[in-house]
Amino acid sequence: MANVKKGDTDAIVGDGAAGVCAINVSKRLSVQRIIALSENPSRQKVA
């Protein structure tokens, strides 16, 4: 994570363990918008 704070927009590339972890951290930090890039449709739904 790179200095993400409440109200920011966060872009996450990848849907593996690290990507899902980054999404969870962004949610906990109250990021306003999360852009998740994924090639796997089932994991994109989780994001």
N, C-alpha and C. Protein backbone atom coordinates (compact mmCIF):
# COMPACT_ATOMS: atom_id res chain seq x y z
N MET A 1 0.85 -1.17 0.00
CA MET A 1 0.00 0.00 0.00
C MET A 1 0.89 1.23 0.00
N ALA A 2 0.44 2.21 -0.72
CA ALA A 2 1.25 3.41 -0.86
C ALA A 2 0.51 4.64 -0.33
N ASN A 3 0.57 4.83 0.96
CA ASN A 3 0.01 6.02 1.59
C ASN A 3 -1.46 6.25 1.22
N VAL A 4 -2.26 5.22 1.26
CA VAL A 4 -3.69 5.31 0.94
C VAL A 4 -4.43 5.76 2.19
N LYS A 5 -5.36 6.68 2.01
CA LYS A 5 -6.13 7.16 3.16
C LYS A 5 -7.61 7.33 2.80
N LYS A 6 -8.40 7.58 3.80
CA LYS A 6 -9.84 7.72 3.64
C LYS A 6 -10.18 8.72 2.53
N GLY A 7 -11.09 8.32 1.65
CA GLY A 7 -11.54 9.18 0.57
C GLY A 7 -10.76 9.04 -0.72
N ASP A 8 -9.64 8.33 -0.70
CA ASP A 8 -8.82 8.14 -1.90
C ASP A 8 -9.46 7.15 -2.87
N THR A 9 -8.92 7.11 -4.08
CA THR A 9 -9.22 6.07 -5.05
C THR A 9 -8.00 5.17 -5.12
N ASP A 10 -8.24 3.85 -5.07
CA ASP A 10 -7.15 2.89 -5.05
C ASP A 10 -7.32 1.92 -6.22
N ALA A 11 -6.26 1.73 -6.99
CA ALA A 11 -6.28 0.77 -8.10
C ALA A 11 -5.43 -0.43 -7.70
N ILE A 12 -5.99 -1.63 -7.81
CA ILE A 12 -5.31 -2.85 -7.42
C ILE A 12 -5.25 -3.76 -8.64
N VAL A 13 -4.02 -4.16 -8.99
CA VAL A 13 -3.80 -5.02 -10.14
C VAL A 13 -3.51 -6.43 -9.64
N GLY A 14 -4.32 -7.37 -10.08
CA GLY A 14 -4.12 -8.76 -9.68
C GLY A 14 -5.21 -9.23 -8.72
N ASP A 15 -5.51 -10.52 -8.82
CA ASP A 15 -6.60 -11.06 -8.01
C ASP A 15 -6.16 -12.27 -7.18
N GLY A 16 -4.87 -12.38 -6.99
CA GLY A 16 -4.35 -13.46 -6.14
C GLY A 16 -4.46 -13.08 -4.68
N ALA A 17 -3.75 -13.78 -3.86
CA ALA A 17 -3.81 -13.54 -2.41
C ALA A 17 -3.43 -12.10 -2.05
N ALA A 18 -2.38 -11.59 -2.66
CA ALA A 18 -1.94 -10.22 -2.35
C ALA A 18 -2.97 -9.19 -2.81
N GLY A 19 -3.56 -9.41 -3.98
CA GLY A 19 -4.58 -8.48 -4.47
C GLY A 19 -5.82 -8.45 -3.60
N VAL A 20 -6.29 -9.63 -3.19
CA VAL A 20 -7.46 -9.70 -2.32
C VAL A 20 -7.16 -9.06 -0.97
N CYS A 21 -5.95 -9.27 -0.47
CA CYS A 21 -5.53 -8.64 0.78
C CYS A 21 -5.53 -7.12 0.64
N ALA A 22 -5.02 -6.62 -0.48
CA ALA A 22 -4.98 -5.18 -0.72
C ALA A 22 -6.39 -4.60 -0.78
N ILE A 23 -7.32 -5.32 -1.37
CA ILE A 23 -8.72 -4.88 -1.42
C ILE A 23 -9.28 -4.78 -0.01
N ASN A 24 -9.04 -5.79 0.80
CA ASN A 24 -9.54 -5.79 2.18
C ASN A 24 -8.95 -4.63 2.99
N VAL A 25 -7.67 -4.37 2.81
CA VAL A 25 -7.03 -3.25 3.51
C VAL A 25 -7.64 -1.93 3.05
N SER A 26 -7.86 -1.78 1.76
CA SER A 26 -8.46 -0.56 1.24
C SER A 26 -9.85 -0.33 1.83
N LYS A 27 -10.63 -1.40 1.94
CA LYS A 27 -11.97 -1.28 2.55
C LYS A 27 -11.86 -0.84 4.00
N ARG A 28 -10.91 -1.41 4.73
CA ARG A 28 -10.75 -1.07 6.15
C ARG A 28 -10.29 0.38 6.33
N LEU A 29 -9.57 0.90 5.33
CA LEU A 29 -9.10 2.29 5.39
C LEU A 29 -10.14 3.27 4.87
N SER A 30 -11.33 2.78 4.53
CA SER A 30 -12.44 3.61 4.03
C SER A 30 -12.09 4.34 2.73
N VAL A 31 -11.38 3.62 1.85
CA VAL A 31 -11.10 4.18 0.52
C VAL A 31 -12.44 4.39 -0.19
N GLN A 32 -12.60 5.54 -0.84
CA GLN A 32 -13.88 5.86 -1.47
C GLN A 32 -14.17 4.96 -2.67
N ARG A 33 -13.14 4.74 -3.50
CA ARG A 33 -13.35 3.95 -4.71
C ARG A 33 -12.19 2.98 -4.88
N ILE A 34 -12.52 1.72 -5.13
CA ILE A 34 -11.52 0.69 -5.35
C ILE A 34 -11.69 0.19 -6.79
N ILE A 35 -10.62 0.28 -7.56
CA ILE A 35 -10.61 -0.23 -8.93
C ILE A 35 -9.77 -1.50 -8.92
N ALA A 36 -10.42 -2.64 -9.13
CA ALA A 36 -9.72 -3.93 -9.09
C ALA A 36 -9.65 -4.50 -10.50
N LEU A 37 -8.43 -4.76 -10.95
CA LEU A 37 -8.21 -5.32 -12.28
C LEU A 37 -7.95 -6.81 -12.15
N SER A 38 -8.76 -7.61 -12.86
CA SER A 38 -8.68 -9.05 -12.72
C SER A 38 -8.99 -9.72 -14.05
N GLU A 39 -8.38 -10.87 -14.27
CA GLU A 39 -8.68 -11.66 -15.46
C GLU A 39 -9.61 -12.82 -15.14
N ASN A 40 -9.93 -13.02 -13.89
CA ASN A 40 -10.73 -14.15 -13.46
C ASN A 40 -12.12 -13.65 -13.04
N PRO A 41 -13.18 -13.97 -13.80
CA PRO A 41 -14.52 -13.44 -13.51
C PRO A 41 -15.03 -13.77 -12.10
N SER A 42 -14.75 -14.95 -11.60
CA SER A 42 -15.26 -15.28 -10.27
C SER A 42 -14.56 -14.47 -9.18
N ARG A 43 -13.28 -14.21 -9.36
CA ARG A 43 -12.57 -13.40 -8.37
C ARG A 43 -12.92 -11.93 -8.51
N GLN A 44 -13.27 -11.49 -9.70
CA GLN A 44 -13.69 -10.11 -9.91
C GLN A 44 -14.97 -9.83 -9.12
N LYS A 45 -15.85 -10.80 -9.05
CA LYS A 45 -17.08 -10.63 -8.28
C LYS A 45 -16.77 -10.45 -6.81
N VAL A 46 -15.78 -11.18 -6.30
CA VAL A 46 -15.38 -11.03 -4.90
C VAL A 46 -14.85 -9.63 -4.65
N ALA A 47 -14.08 -9.11 -5.60
CA ALA A 47 -13.52 -7.76 -5.47
C ALA A 47 -14.62 -6.72 -5.42
